[in-house]
Amino acid sequence: YLTKKDEEDDKSPNKLQSVSLVLENGENTDALKSSIEDARIIANACNFARDLANERSDIGNPDYYEAQAIELCQSTDLLKATVIDYNSAKKEGLNLLCAVGQGATSLPRLVLLEYNGNPSSDEKIALVGKGITFDTGGLNLKPTGSIEKMYMDMSGTAAVLGCMKGLGALRIKANVVGVLCLAENAISSKSYPPSSIIRSHKGLTVEIGNTDAEGRLVLADGLSYVQKIHKPKVLIDLATLTGACVIALGNHTAGLFCNNDDLKDSLLRVSEEFGESVWPLPIFKAHSEALKGNQSDLKNIAKPGTGAGASIGAAFLKEFVEEGTHWAHFDIAGPASDDETGGTGFGTQTLLGWLKERSQNQRI
């Protein structure tokens, strides 16, 4: 996999030119052709997500990913985009999102993409992606050795955009809302400081113990907003959320936190079919209690030495999931990137495969 392939790359003698399949007599060729076409669409969607994740942040800022979303919607009549810019976000009470990105030149925003593939149904599925286009750590600055690849901290958004692209091509019979929580966690005179207490879109107040625990903040407002406006039955978020998940599971496996066993089992089954390694992790009562504030409802980090960082991060997000909503959180901090090829598009294939299965492969 290479990004920004030019014409010479396309003429490489090492490029695969064709594949021939030999079938047994009576085998259903139409079904096989359909499966191959689906595989091509899903692969293209994954490559699109890889390209997005590999874009360096001097280009790939919130303005850029908003433009990518709008361009994607213009390519099909099944998608439409709604952009909540910084000023509108402030009016809507998306204060956590705004705080994280207020120090950047390209201001934070929420972008929603609606795919209406089943107008006769009221059921909606929401996919929410962390979209930190570069993460300096904020005033709690990341050190050398940890900061260089933070242009890929929007890999959750890349996976959601890749999935929405695939939906438009597969024409799956489902209603899906993609939410891009876009912000650059930059350093400037306007950056939000540690110790701030910020009121979230849901109304919960959050004390900032560390500005480098920012992904959960933008996701919290994104989760809250999409539930208020669209009331999805199923809510799935993807985020390069914690280094602790990498310590727990390694570089090739995502952590899955879920409040519904049927949803968890179906996501695990599909992820295995597509070769995306996922392992379930818990949220215990102690993880939630570790985030209770003294002068606020919540803190964005637990006190030093608490451990269980991946579960703590997931427990924070759980506070913003409404009762009765089936929710899954993928912590993709490990498998979202590869040392050689960069962004992997992790999650795109699992989401599309799961949506195909959930809709019983019905198309429009």
Foldseek 3Di string as FASTA:
>chain_A
DAEPDDPVNVVDPPDDDDDDDDDDPPDDVVVVVLVVVLVVLLVVLLVQLLNLLPDALVQNAPVNVLVVLCVLCVVFVQKDKDKQFLVNCVVLQQWLLQQQAVFDPRGWIKMKMKGQLAVVDLAEEEEEWQAAQACQQAPLGDDPVPRPSRNNQRSQLSLLSSQVSSCRVLQFRHIYMYMRGGHHRDYDPSHDDQQDWGQHSVGFIEGENTSSQSSLSSVLNRLQVCCVPRVHQEYEYEGLGDPLQCVVPNQQEKEKEWDDPVVVVLLCVLCVVVVRHYDYDYQDPVLLVQQQDDVTRGYSDGDPPPDPRVNNSVSSSVVSHDPSHTYMYINNSRHQADPPSGGRSRPNSSVNSSSCVVSVNDHD
